[in-house]
Protein backbone atom coordinates (compact mmCIF):
# COMPACT_ATOMS: atom_id res chain seq x y z
CA MET A 1 19.81 13.63 0.73
CA GLU A 2 17.87 16.63 -0.51
CA PRO A 3 15.99 16.45 -3.80
CA SER A 4 18.33 17.81 -6.43
CA LYS A 5 17.46 20.44 -9.00
CA SER A 6 16.31 19.20 -12.37
CA ASN A 7 14.54 20.32 -15.47
CA ASP A 8 11.03 19.01 -16.13
CA SER A 9 11.57 16.02 -18.37
CA SER A 10 8.19 14.35 -18.14
CA GLY A 11 7.78 13.43 -21.80
CA MET A 12 6.74 9.79 -21.99
CA ASP A 13 8.65 9.19 -25.22
CA GLU A 14 11.76 9.05 -23.01
CA PHE A 15 10.42 5.75 -21.67
CA GLY A 16 9.16 4.42 -24.99
CA TYR A 17 5.50 5.35 -24.46
CA THR A 18 3.16 7.99 -25.79
CA GLN A 19 1.36 10.30 -23.33
CA THR A 20 -2.19 8.93 -23.13
CA LEU A 21 -3.17 9.73 -19.53
CA ASP A 22 -4.31 13.10 -18.21
CA ARG A 23 -1.34 14.98 -16.70
CA SER A 24 -3.16 17.16 -14.19
CA ILE A 25 -1.94 16.16 -10.70
CA GLY A 26 -0.20 18.89 -8.70
CA LYS A 27 2.19 18.76 -5.74
CA PHE A 28 -0.40 18.44 -2.97
CA ALA A 29 -2.47 15.89 -4.89
CA SER A 30 0.68 13.79 -5.43
CA PHE A 31 1.51 13.97 -1.71
CA ALA A 32 -2.13 13.21 -0.90
CA ALA A 33 -2.04 10.06 -3.02
CA GLY A 34 0.79 8.61 -0.91
CA VAL A 35 -0.74 9.75 2.38
CA SER A 36 -4.19 8.41 1.54
CA TYR A 37 -2.79 5.00 0.55
CA ILE A 38 -0.95 4.74 3.87
CA SER A 39 -3.97 6.35 5.58
CA ILE A 40 -3.08 6.37 9.25
CA LEU A 41 -6.69 6.91 10.36
CA THR A 42 -7.72 3.83 8.38
CA GLY A 43 -4.87 1.52 9.28
CA VAL A 44 -4.20 2.58 12.87
CA PHE A 45 -7.88 2.48 13.79
CA GLN A 46 -8.53 -0.75 11.87
CA LEU A 47 -5.67 -2.72 13.42
CA PHE A 48 -5.01 -1.11 16.81
CA TYR A 49 -7.14 -3.72 18.56
CA PHE A 50 -5.04 -6.51 17.02
CA GLY A 51 -1.66 -5.08 18.05
CA PHE A 52 -2.93 -4.25 21.53
CA SER A 53 -4.52 -7.67 22.05
CA MET A 54 -1.25 -9.37 21.09
CA ALA A 55 1.37 -7.30 22.96
CA GLY A 56 -0.44 -4.68 25.03
CA PRO A 57 0.62 -1.01 25.23
CA ALA A 58 4.26 -1.82 24.42
CA TYR A 59 3.24 -2.85 20.90
CA ALA A 60 3.39 0.88 20.10
CA TRP A 61 7.20 0.55 19.89
CA SER A 62 6.67 -1.26 16.60
CA TRP A 63 5.55 2.02 15.01
CA PRO A 64 8.96 3.79 15.03
CA ILE A 65 10.72 0.51 14.16
CA VAL A 66 8.53 0.00 11.09
CA PHE A 67 8.98 3.65 10.13
CA VAL A 68 12.77 3.43 10.10
CA GLY A 69 12.67 0.28 8.00
CA GLN A 70 10.11 1.61 5.55
CA LEU A 71 11.93 4.95 5.30
CA MET A 72 14.94 3.05 3.94
CA VAL A 73 12.71 1.55 1.24
CA ALA A 74 11.04 4.91 0.58
CA LEU A 75 14.43 6.59 0.02
CA CYS A 76 15.35 3.95 -2.56
CA PHE A 77 11.99 4.45 -4.24
CA ALA A 78 12.40 8.23 -4.21
CA GLU A 79 15.68 7.85 -6.06
CA LEU A 80 14.00 5.66 -8.68
CA ALA A 81 10.98 7.98 -8.90
CA GLY A 82 13.36 10.85 -9.67
CA ARG A 83 14.34 9.00 -12.85
CA TYR A 84 11.33 6.86 -13.80
CA PRO A 85 8.03 8.47 -12.72
CA VAL A 86 5.96 5.99 -14.74
CA ALA A 87 2.61 4.24 -14.10
CA GLY A 88 2.98 0.94 -12.27
CA SER A 89 6.18 2.26 -10.75
CA VAL A 90 7.38 -0.90 -8.95
CA TYR A 91 6.92 -2.94 -12.14
CA ASN A 92 8.62 -0.36 -14.34
CA TRP A 93 11.50 0.12 -11.89
CA ALA A 94 12.13 -3.63 -11.69
CA LYS A 95 11.98 -3.76 -15.48
CA ARG A 96 15.00 -1.46 -15.66
CA LEU A 97 16.92 -3.19 -12.87
CA ALA A 98 16.36 -6.93 -13.30
CA SER A 99 15.40 -9.77 -15.61
CA GLY A 100 12.09 -10.08 -17.41
CA THR A 101 10.82 -12.81 -15.08
CA SER A 102 11.56 -11.00 -11.81
CA SER A 103 10.26 -7.65 -13.07
CA TRP A 104 7.04 -9.26 -14.29
CA LEU A 105 6.68 -10.97 -10.90
CA ALA A 106 7.14 -7.61 -9.15
CA GLY A 107 4.18 -6.22 -11.06
CA TRP A 108 2.14 -9.42 -10.76
CA LEU A 109 2.55 -9.69 -6.97
CA LEU A 110 1.83 -6.01 -6.39
CA LEU A 111 -1.22 -6.16 -8.65
CA LEU A 112 -2.65 -9.14 -6.74
CA SER A 113 -1.83 -7.55 -3.38
CA SER A 114 -3.47 -4.27 -4.39
CA ILE A 115 -6.65 -6.08 -5.39
CA MET A 116 -6.79 -7.89 -2.04
CA ALA A 117 -5.76 -4.76 -0.14
CA LEU A 118 -8.63 -2.87 -1.78
CA GLY A 119 -11.12 -5.26 -0.26
CA SER A 120 -9.30 -5.28 3.07
CA VAL A 121 -9.27 -1.47 3.32
CA ALA A 122 -12.96 -1.21 2.43
CA LEU A 123 -13.70 -3.73 5.18
CA ALA A 124 -12.44 -1.16 7.71
CA LEU A 125 -15.83 0.54 7.42
CA GLN A 126 -17.27 -2.30 9.50
CA ILE A 127 -15.14 -1.31 12.49
CA THR A 128 -16.33 2.32 12.45
CA LEU A 129 -19.75 2.77 10.81
CA PRO A 130 -21.78 0.54 13.22
CA GLN A 131 -20.17 2.41 16.15
CA LEU A 132 -21.39 5.65 14.58
CA TRP A 133 -24.93 4.40 14.08
CA SER A 134 -26.37 0.92 14.68
CA GLY A 135 -28.35 1.26 11.45
CA PHE A 136 -25.16 0.53 9.50
CA GLN A 137 -25.28 -3.04 10.86
CA PHE A 138 -27.40 -4.37 8.01
CA VAL A 139 -26.81 -8.06 8.82
CA GLY A 140 -28.19 -9.16 12.17
CA ASP A 141 -27.47 -7.13 15.28
CA GLY A 142 -23.72 -7.69 15.38
CA THR A 143 -23.83 -10.45 18.00
CA GLY A 144 -24.26 -13.43 15.67
CA PRO A 145 -21.20 -15.54 14.75
CA PHE A 146 -21.11 -14.18 11.20
CA ASP A 147 -22.86 -10.81 11.59
CA PHE A 148 -19.62 -8.84 11.84
CA ALA A 149 -17.90 -10.46 8.83
CA MET A 150 -20.96 -10.55 6.57
CA ASN A 151 -21.93 -6.96 7.26
CA GLY A 152 -18.35 -5.92 6.59
CA VAL A 153 -18.59 -7.53 3.16
CA VAL A 154 -21.81 -5.63 2.42
CA LEU A 155 -20.28 -2.28 3.39
CA ALA A 156 -17.04 -3.05 1.54
CA THR A 157 -18.88 -4.00 -1.64
CA ILE A 158 -20.81 -0.72 -1.59
CA MET A 159 -17.58 1.23 -1.03
CA ILE A 160 -15.73 -0.57 -3.84
CA THR A 161 -18.62 0.10 -6.20
CA ILE A 162 -18.46 3.83 -5.43
CA SER A 163 -14.67 3.81 -5.83
CA THR A 164 -14.99 2.08 -9.21
CA LEU A 165 -17.36 4.75 -10.49
CA ILE A 166 -15.14 7.61 -9.29
CA ASN A 167 -11.90 6.12 -10.66
CA ALA A 168 -13.55 5.25 -13.96
CA PHE A 169 -14.80 8.82 -14.36
CA GLY A 170 -11.30 10.29 -14.41
CA VAL A 171 -8.19 11.14 -12.40
CA LYS A 172 -9.25 14.77 -11.88
CA LEU A 173 -12.36 13.77 -9.93
CA MET A 174 -10.49 11.09 -8.00
CA THR A 175 -7.62 13.39 -6.99
CA ARG A 176 -9.98 16.24 -6.11
CA ILE A 177 -11.96 14.01 -3.74
CA ASN A 178 -8.76 12.42 -2.48
CA SER A 179 -7.08 15.77 -1.76
CA ILE A 180 -10.11 17.08 0.14
CA GLY A 181 -10.31 13.84 2.10
CA VAL A 182 -6.61 13.88 2.96
CA PHE A 183 -6.86 17.50 4.10
CA VAL A 184 -9.73 16.49 6.41
CA GLU A 185 -7.74 13.46 7.58
CA LEU A 186 -4.63 15.50 8.41
CA ILE A 187 -6.58 18.17 10.30
CA ALA A 188 -8.56 15.49 12.16
CA ALA A 189 -5.37 13.64 13.10
CA VAL A 190 -3.78 16.78 14.57
CA LEU A 191 -6.94 17.67 16.49
CA LEU A 192 -7.32 14.11 17.73
CA ILE A 193 -3.74 14.07 19.03
CA LEU A 194 -4.35 17.35 20.87
CA ALA A 195 -7.67 16.15 22.29
CA LEU A 196 -6.27 12.83 23.50
CA GLY A 197 -3.18 14.58 24.87
CA TRP A 198 -5.46 16.84 26.93
CA HIS A 199 -7.09 13.76 28.52
CA VAL A 200 -3.92 11.81 29.41
CA VAL A 201 -4.46 9.78 32.60
CA ARG A 202 -1.17 7.83 32.88
CA GLY A 203 2.54 8.30 32.27
CA PRO A 204 4.80 6.87 29.56
CA GLU A 205 6.03 4.10 31.88
CA VAL A 206 3.18 1.98 30.53
CA PHE A 207 5.15 1.52 27.31
CA PHE A 208 8.00 -0.11 29.26
CA ASP A 209 5.77 -2.66 31.00
CA THR A 210 5.04 -5.96 29.25
CA ALA A 211 1.91 -6.24 31.45
CA GLY A 212 2.08 -10.05 31.45
CA PHE A 213 1.91 -10.33 27.67
CA GLY A 214 4.10 -13.08 26.28
CA GLU A 215 3.66 -15.51 29.15
CA GLY A 216 3.40 -18.98 27.68
CA ASN A 217 4.90 -17.94 24.34
CA ASP A 218 8.09 -19.78 23.36
CA LEU A 219 9.86 -16.48 22.68
CA GLY A 220 8.28 -14.63 25.59
CA PHE A 221 7.28 -11.01 25.03
CA PHE A 222 9.45 -10.81 21.90
CA GLY A 223 7.30 -13.51 20.33
CA VAL A 224 4.03 -11.66 20.86
CA PHE A 225 5.67 -8.34 19.97
CA LEU A 226 6.58 -9.73 16.54
CA ILE A 227 2.92 -10.61 16.04
CA GLY A 228 1.64 -7.28 17.35
CA ALA A 229 4.16 -5.42 15.17
CA MET A 230 2.18 -6.56 12.15
CA ALA A 231 -0.44 -3.98 13.06
CA SER A 232 2.16 -1.32 12.22
CA GLY A 233 3.64 -3.20 9.28
CA TYR A 234 0.16 -3.45 7.74
CA VAL A 235 -0.19 0.34 7.71
CA MET A 236 3.04 1.96 6.54
CA TYR A 237 3.29 1.00 2.88
CA GLY A 238 1.92 2.22 -0.46
CA PHE A 239 4.05 5.39 -0.55
CA ASP A 240 5.08 4.41 -4.08
CA THR A 241 1.58 5.47 -5.22
CA ALA A 242 2.85 9.02 -5.70
CA SER A 243 5.21 7.74 -8.40
CA SER A 244 2.68 5.29 -9.84
CA LEU A 245 0.61 8.35 -10.71
CA GLY A 246 3.72 9.96 -12.22
CA GLU A 247 2.38 9.95 -15.77
CA GLU A 248 -0.48 12.11 -14.53
CA THR A 249 1.67 14.39 -12.36
CA LYS A 250 3.13 17.75 -13.34
CA ASP A 251 6.94 17.88 -13.18
CA PRO A 252 6.96 14.30 -11.81
CA LYS A 253 10.72 13.81 -11.48
CA LYS A 254 10.84 16.47 -8.78
CA THR A 255 7.33 16.10 -7.39
CA ALA A 256 7.11 12.31 -6.92
CA PRO A 257 10.29 11.80 -4.80
CA LYS A 258 9.33 14.59 -2.40
CA ALA A 259 5.78 13.22 -2.17
CA ILE A 260 7.04 9.73 -1.30
CA ILE A 261 9.30 10.91 1.54
CA ARG A 262 6.81 13.46 2.89
CA ALA A 263 3.97 10.92 2.85
CA VAL A 264 5.78 8.28 4.89
CA THR A 265 7.20 10.89 7.31
CA ALA A 266 3.88 12.67 7.90
CA SER A 267 2.16 9.33 8.43
CA PHE A 268 4.75 8.30 11.01
CA ILE A 269 4.46 11.53 12.99
CA LEU A 270 0.67 11.69 13.06
CA GLY A 271 0.08 7.96 13.45
CA GLY A 272 2.64 7.79 16.25
CA GLY A 273 0.96 10.68 18.04
CA ILE A 274 -2.43 8.98 17.87
CA LEU A 275 -1.03 5.69 19.19
CA LEU A 276 0.94 7.39 21.97
CA PHE A 277 -1.82 9.60 23.34
CA GLY A 278 -4.58 7.07 22.64
CA ILE A 279 -2.94 4.58 24.99
CA LEU A 280 -2.07 7.26 27.57
CA ALA A 281 -5.63 8.61 27.55
CA ALA A 282 -7.53 5.31 27.63
CA PRO A 283 -9.70 5.25 30.79
CA ASP A 284 -9.02 1.55 31.44
CA LEU A 285 -6.42 -0.47 29.55
CA ASN A 286 -7.84 -3.64 31.10
CA ASP A 287 -11.19 -3.06 29.42
CA PRO A 288 -11.63 -6.07 27.06
CA LYS A 289 -13.15 -3.76 24.44
CA VAL A 290 -9.76 -2.09 23.91
CA GLY A 291 -8.40 -5.32 22.40
CA ALA A 292 -11.62 -6.34 20.63
CA ALA A 293 -12.41 -5.95 16.92
CA ASP A 294 -15.64 -4.10 17.67
CA GLY A 295 -13.89 -1.72 20.09
CA GLY A 296 -10.21 -0.83 19.78
CA LEU A 297 -9.08 2.74 19.31
CA GLN A 298 -12.59 3.77 18.29
CA HIS A 299 -13.81 2.67 21.70
CA ILE A 300 -11.07 4.71 23.40
CA VAL A 301 -11.95 7.84 21.40
CA LEU A 302 -15.65 7.50 22.20
CA SER A 303 -14.91 6.83 25.88
CA VAL A 304 -12.51 9.76 26.24
CA LEU A 305 -14.18 12.41 24.10
CA GLY A 306 -17.73 11.12 24.26
CA GLY A 307 -20.88 12.44 22.62
CA PRO A 308 -20.68 14.55 19.48
CA PHE A 309 -16.89 15.07 19.59
CA GLY A 310 -16.14 11.35 19.58
CA LYS A 311 -18.68 10.79 16.80
CA ALA A 312 -17.18 13.64 14.76
CA PHE A 313 -13.75 12.00 14.85
CA LEU A 314 -15.26 8.68 13.80
CA VAL A 315 -16.79 10.47 10.81
CA CYS A 316 -13.28 11.64 9.90
CA ILE A 317 -12.11 8.02 10.10
CA VAL A 318 -14.83 7.08 7.61
CA VAL A 319 -13.58 9.86 5.31
CA ALA A 320 -10.07 8.42 5.62
CA VAL A 321 -11.29 4.93 4.70
CA VAL A 322 -13.06 6.34 1.65
CA VAL A 323 -9.99 8.18 0.30
CA CYS A 324 -7.72 5.25 1.16
CA THR A 325 -9.99 2.99 -0.89
CA LEU A 326 -9.81 5.46 -3.79
CA ALA A 327 -6.00 5.58 -3.62
CA VAL A 328 -5.53 1.80 -3.41
CA HIS A 329 -7.94 1.38 -6.33
CA ALA A 330 -6.11 4.05 -8.36
CA ALA A 331 -2.72 2.41 -7.73
CA ALA A 332 -4.05 -1.02 -8.76
CA ILE A 333 -5.48 0.48 -11.95
CA ARG A 334 -2.11 2.02 -12.91
CA MET A 335 -0.32 -1.27 -12.29
CA MET A 336 -2.79 -3.19 -14.45
CA PHE A 337 -2.58 -0.51 -17.15
CA ALA A 338 1.23 -0.44 -17.10
CA MET A 339 1.55 -4.20 -17.48
CA ALA A 340 -1.22 -4.41 -20.08
CA ARG A 341 0.26 -1.78 -22.43
CA ASP A 342 3.43 -3.91 -22.50
CA ASN A 343 1.15 -6.81 -23.48
CA ASN A 344 2.13 -8.52 -20.25
CA LEU A 345 -1.35 -9.58 -19.11
CA PRO A 346 -4.16 -11.62 -20.63
CA PHE A 347 -6.59 -9.38 -22.56
CA SER A 348 -3.94 -6.64 -22.55
CA ARG A 349 -5.45 -4.64 -25.39
CA GLN A 350 -8.73 -4.27 -23.52
CA LEU A 351 -7.18 -3.66 -20.10
CA SER A 352 -4.87 -0.94 -21.43
CA LYS A 353 -7.64 0.94 -23.21
CA VAL A 354 -7.80 4.62 -22.24
CA ASP A 355 -11.06 6.53 -22.49
CA PRO A 356 -10.48 9.23 -25.16
CA VAL A 357 -12.50 11.85 -23.26
CA ARG A 358 -11.64 11.17 -19.61
CA ARG A 359 -8.10 9.96 -20.46
CA THR A 360 -8.18 7.26 -17.78
CA PRO A 361 -8.03 3.42 -17.98
CA THR A 362 -11.77 2.89 -17.51
CA VAL A 363 -11.81 -0.83 -18.32
CA ALA A 364 -9.03 -1.51 -15.80
CA ALA A 365 -10.95 0.46 -13.15
CA ILE A 366 -14.02 -1.73 -13.58
CA VAL A 367 -12.09 -5.00 -13.72
CA ILE A 368 -10.14 -4.13 -10.54
CA GLY A 369 -13.40 -3.31 -8.74
CA VAL A 370 -15.01 -6.62 -9.71
CA LEU A 371 -11.91 -8.65 -8.80
CA ALA A 372 -11.64 -6.93 -5.40
CA VAL A 373 -15.16 -8.01 -4.42
CA LEU A 374 -14.65 -11.70 -5.30
CA PRO A 375 -12.32 -12.58 -2.35
CA LEU A 376 -14.83 -10.97 -0.01
CA LEU A 377 -17.60 -13.22 -1.29
CA ILE A 378 -15.42 -16.32 -1.06
CA ASN A 379 -14.54 -15.54 2.58
CA VAL A 380 -17.95 -14.22 3.62
CA MET A 381 -18.36 -16.88 6.33
CA GLN A 382 -14.87 -16.37 7.75
CA PRO A 383 -14.91 -14.24 10.94
CA ALA A 384 -11.13 -13.67 10.72
CA ILE A 385 -11.42 -12.17 7.24
CA PHE A 386 -9.76 -8.86 8.20
CA THR A 387 -6.53 -10.32 9.51
CA ILE A 388 -6.22 -13.04 6.87
CA LEU A 389 -6.73 -10.71 3.90
CA SER A 390 -4.41 -8.09 5.35
CA SER A 391 -1.67 -10.62 6.04
CA ILE A 392 -1.63 -12.19 2.58
CA SER A 393 -1.82 -8.89 0.69
CA ILE A 394 0.94 -7.28 2.75
CA VAL A 395 3.27 -10.27 2.30
CA LEU A 396 2.92 -9.86 -1.47
CA ILE A 397 3.61 -6.12 -1.23
CA TYR A 398 6.82 -6.62 0.77
CA MET A 399 7.92 -9.30 -1.71
CA SER A 400 7.29 -7.00 -4.67
CA TYR A 401 9.27 -4.24 -2.95
CA LEU A 402 12.17 -6.68 -2.49
CA LEU A 403 12.10 -7.37 -6.23
CA VAL A 404 13.09 -3.71 -6.63
CA THR A 405 15.47 -3.11 -3.71
CA VAL A 406 17.47 -6.32 -4.22
CA PRO A 407 18.34 -5.75 -7.92
CA LEU A 408 18.96 -2.07 -7.14
CA LEU A 409 21.49 -3.13 -4.49
CA ARG A 410 23.10 -5.50 -6.96
CA LYS A 411 23.47 -2.62 -9.42
CA ARG A 412 25.14 -0.54 -6.71
CA PHE A 413 27.64 -3.31 -5.92
CA LEU A 414 28.44 -3.62 -9.63
CA LYS A 415 28.92 0.17 -9.86
CA LYS A 416 26.07 0.36 -12.39
CA TRP A 417 23.93 2.64 -10.23
CA PRO A 418 23.26 5.52 -10.19
CA LEU A 419 23.17 5.92 -13.96
CA ALA A 420 23.13 9.12 -15.96
CA THR A 421 19.67 10.15 -17.15
CA THR A 422 18.98 9.55 -20.84
CA ASP A 423 18.12 13.20 -21.55
CA GLY A 424 21.14 14.67 -19.78
CA SER A 425 19.11 16.26 -16.96
CA GLU A 426 19.75 15.87 -13.24
CA PRO A 427 17.72 13.15 -11.50
CA GLY A 428 14.92 14.42 -9.29
CA PHE A 429 16.43 12.87 -6.16
CA SER A 430 19.75 11.33 -5.21
CA MET A 431 21.07 9.81 -1.97
CA GLY A 432 24.68 10.19 -3.04
CA LYS A 433 27.12 8.31 -0.80
CA TRP A 434 24.26 7.25 1.49
CA GLY A 435 22.72 5.15 -1.27
CA LEU A 436 24.59 1.91 -0.54
CA PRO A 437 24.03 1.68 3.26
CA VAL A 438 20.40 2.77 2.90
CA ASN A 439 19.82 0.18 0.17
CA ILE A 440 21.41 -2.58 2.30
CA LEU A 441 19.15 -1.69 5.23
CA ALA A 442 16.12 -1.62 2.91
CA VAL A 443 16.85 -5.17 1.71
CA LEU A 444 17.51 -6.53 5.22
CA TRP A 445 14.35 -4.88 6.50
CA GLY A 446 12.22 -6.16 3.64
CA GLY A 447 13.49 -9.71 4.08
CA ALA A 448 12.92 -9.70 7.85
CA MET A 449 9.39 -8.32 7.53
CA THR A 450 8.48 -10.80 4.80
CA ILE A 451 9.51 -13.70 7.04
CA ASN A 452 7.63 -12.24 10.00
CA LEU A 453 4.49 -11.65 7.96
CA ILE A 454 4.40 -15.06 6.26
CA TRP A 455 5.27 -17.01 9.43
CA PRO A 456 2.40 -19.53 9.76
CA ARG A 457 1.21 -18.50 13.21
CA GLN A 458 -2.14 -19.72 14.42
CA GLU A 459 -2.90 -16.24 15.81
CA ILE A 460 -2.84 -14.84 12.26
CA TYR A 461 -3.93 -17.48 9.80
CA ASN A 462 -6.15 -19.74 11.91
CA SER A 463 -7.28 -17.67 14.89
CA VAL A 464 -10.75 -19.26 15.19
CA PRO A 465 -12.03 -22.85 14.91
CA PRO A 466 -11.77 -25.16 13.06
CA PHE A 467 -8.04 -25.42 13.68
CA GLU A 468 -6.52 -27.17 10.67
CA TRP A 469 -2.91 -27.28 9.45
CA TYR A 470 -3.87 -26.16 5.95
CA LEU A 471 -5.56 -23.06 7.36
CA GLN A 472 -2.56 -22.16 9.50
CA TRP A 473 -0.27 -22.66 6.50
CA GLY A 474 -2.76 -20.99 4.17
CA GLY A 475 -0.66 -17.85 3.79
CA VAL A 476 2.47 -19.78 2.81
CA ILE A 477 0.51 -22.00 0.43
CA PHE A 478 -1.25 -19.05 -1.23
CA VAL A 479 1.90 -16.95 -1.61
CA ALA A 480 3.84 -19.92 -3.01
CA ALA A 481 1.01 -20.71 -5.42
CA VAL A 482 0.71 -17.19 -6.86
CA THR A 483 4.49 -16.77 -7.06
CA VAL A 484 5.25 -20.10 -8.73
CA GLY A 485 2.07 -19.96 -10.81
CA GLY A 486 2.87 -16.42 -11.91
CA ALA A 487 6.43 -17.33 -12.87
CA LEU A 488 5.21 -20.29 -14.92
CA LEU A 489 2.55 -18.15 -16.61
CA TYR A 490 5.20 -15.65 -17.63
CA ARG A 491 7.82 -18.16 -18.73
CA LEU A 492 5.44 -20.40 -20.68
CA LYS A 493 3.15 -17.81 -22.26
CA ILE A 494 3.43 -14.11 -21.45
CA ARG A 495 7.09 -13.58 -22.35
CA HIS A 496 6.43 -14.76 -25.90
CA GLN A 497 3.91 -11.96 -26.49
CA THR A 498 5.63 -9.09 -24.68
CA GLY A 499 5.96 -5.78 -26.47
CA VAL A 500 4.52 -2.28 -26.25
CA LEU A 501 1.12 -2.12 -27.93
CA ALA A 502 1.15 0.17 -30.94
CA GLU A 503 -1.44 2.57 -29.52
CA HIS A 504 0.82 3.21 -26.51
CA ALA A 505 4.22 3.24 -28.22
CA ALA A 506 6.18 6.47 -28.57
CA SER A 507 5.99 8.04 -32.01
CA VAL A 508 9.79 8.21 -32.06
CA ALA A 509 10.94 4.73 -32.89
CA ALA A 510 13.03 2.63 -30.54
CA HIS A 511 14.17 5.06 -27.89
CA PRO A 512 17.23 3.79 -26.04
CA SER A 513 16.13 2.27 -22.77
CA SER A 514 17.68 3.32 -19.50
CA SER A 515 19.50 0.02 -19.42
CA ALA A 516 21.54 1.11 -22.42
CA ALA A 517 23.56 3.30 -20.09
CA ASP A 518 25.05 0.17 -18.53
CA HIS A 519 25.67 -1.30 -22.01
CA SER A 520 23.20 -4.15 -21.61
CA ALA A 521 20.50 -5.00 -24.12
CA PRO A 522 16.88 -4.45 -23.11
CA HIS A 523 15.18 -7.64 -22.02
CA PRO A 524 11.75 -8.57 -23.44
CA THR A 525 9.82 -6.36 -21.01
CA SER A 526 11.74 -3.21 -21.90
CA PRO A 527 9.49 -0.72 -23.70
CA SER A 528 12.10 -0.36 -26.41
CA ALA A 529 12.34 -4.10 -27.03
CA ALA A 530 9.32 -4.43 -29.32
CA VAL A 531 6.29 -2.63 -30.59
CA LEU A 532 3.24 -4.71 -31.35
CA PRO A 533 0.79 -3.70 -34.07
């Protein structure tokens, strides 16, 4: 399953579009985009306390399990990225594999999830900054019932504002900052693993001890492990960002697939090392701070390394949160831009506008930033804001991924995949005979994780009073509402206006779409289906 040799065929006219974005991203910057979206220092440090509080040290087993499942998805995505390295990759892939409704839903769900994930990632600053310096606790002293949540919203709003300015300025600035940040994050992760490994105080047998967790749960330890596993499932996604920036990447058909696989693999290795040695080096696993939102892995690092060294690593975590925010924002912008240039969103002409100097979707950058802040303001008095936002956004991401892997599997069963490339070149990546079993595992994994994530557990969706049925079922209700509402919006309105806007259409008229290779006509969302004046 090695990336295969191919010529650089990155001309956008192949996909029915004209090149309007700045193609300046190199190999490391593409890899960095995937790594920074996953951002192990952000996700692992943000959610360690949750996984540990649910299932104890043994929750760490969820990390390799999630990796294997997500690797199956990443391999499918790498194969698609080797053929279609286009902005809004999940949306554009689904567009070539499925019906207009399901492909539009793939983009719609991922766009909504990215907007919510942007706020959720920025909220991670609240877990680290006040532990660095108490002055970052702007609201109260951190002991009030709403101090933690409200201050998190303040810090997140500031971070999203900064991210909006950087992303609106241009992809070169964003990727330069992102690459530097990822380099710092990778070095910090390696050093942190070595430092924690030096201070190990217990053996690996702790990972084979349930430590009393699961008592009282209907499913025993397995029940709480499924909940704790969400802490890993919340982290290892977003590797498709490398392909979503494909229109701005040099030689994308070869670069994007490698970046996707390397990003998820590097994140697994480094994140797993931090989890492993963090638990083995913790001075006291019975310390309530280890499983508390204002403690967690940050508390372990400060306790083990202490003084300036511990603080220095927390600074690196802040850097990771910053670049993760930039990457999530950038991915959301490309999804909004990709759907808008097909006239598949309200106000599409404005949202797809590209700044002629900076060659970036400036309007989309600003709109995404504003929309990401709104859920934070609505939930400002909700102490469980971190878990709730993370849960809903990740459910939508896994659903959008399924809207790619399921139709891809159907194509394989019908012998309509893999298809020959339209320009006669070799695809950038191919799984060969492994494609079918990997695709089957990707679909099974995605379905199982979606059920686990959306399961209306009180520990996730209604963890603090008041305990109401509509709060516990809030995730199911919200996901159903945006899915059904989105489908109705598309069927009743959007599909009647679909077509590539003239300013984004390829100068060569009506290129054959990739679906022509399987002798099927392009559906309304195909870039070759229509060009709007």
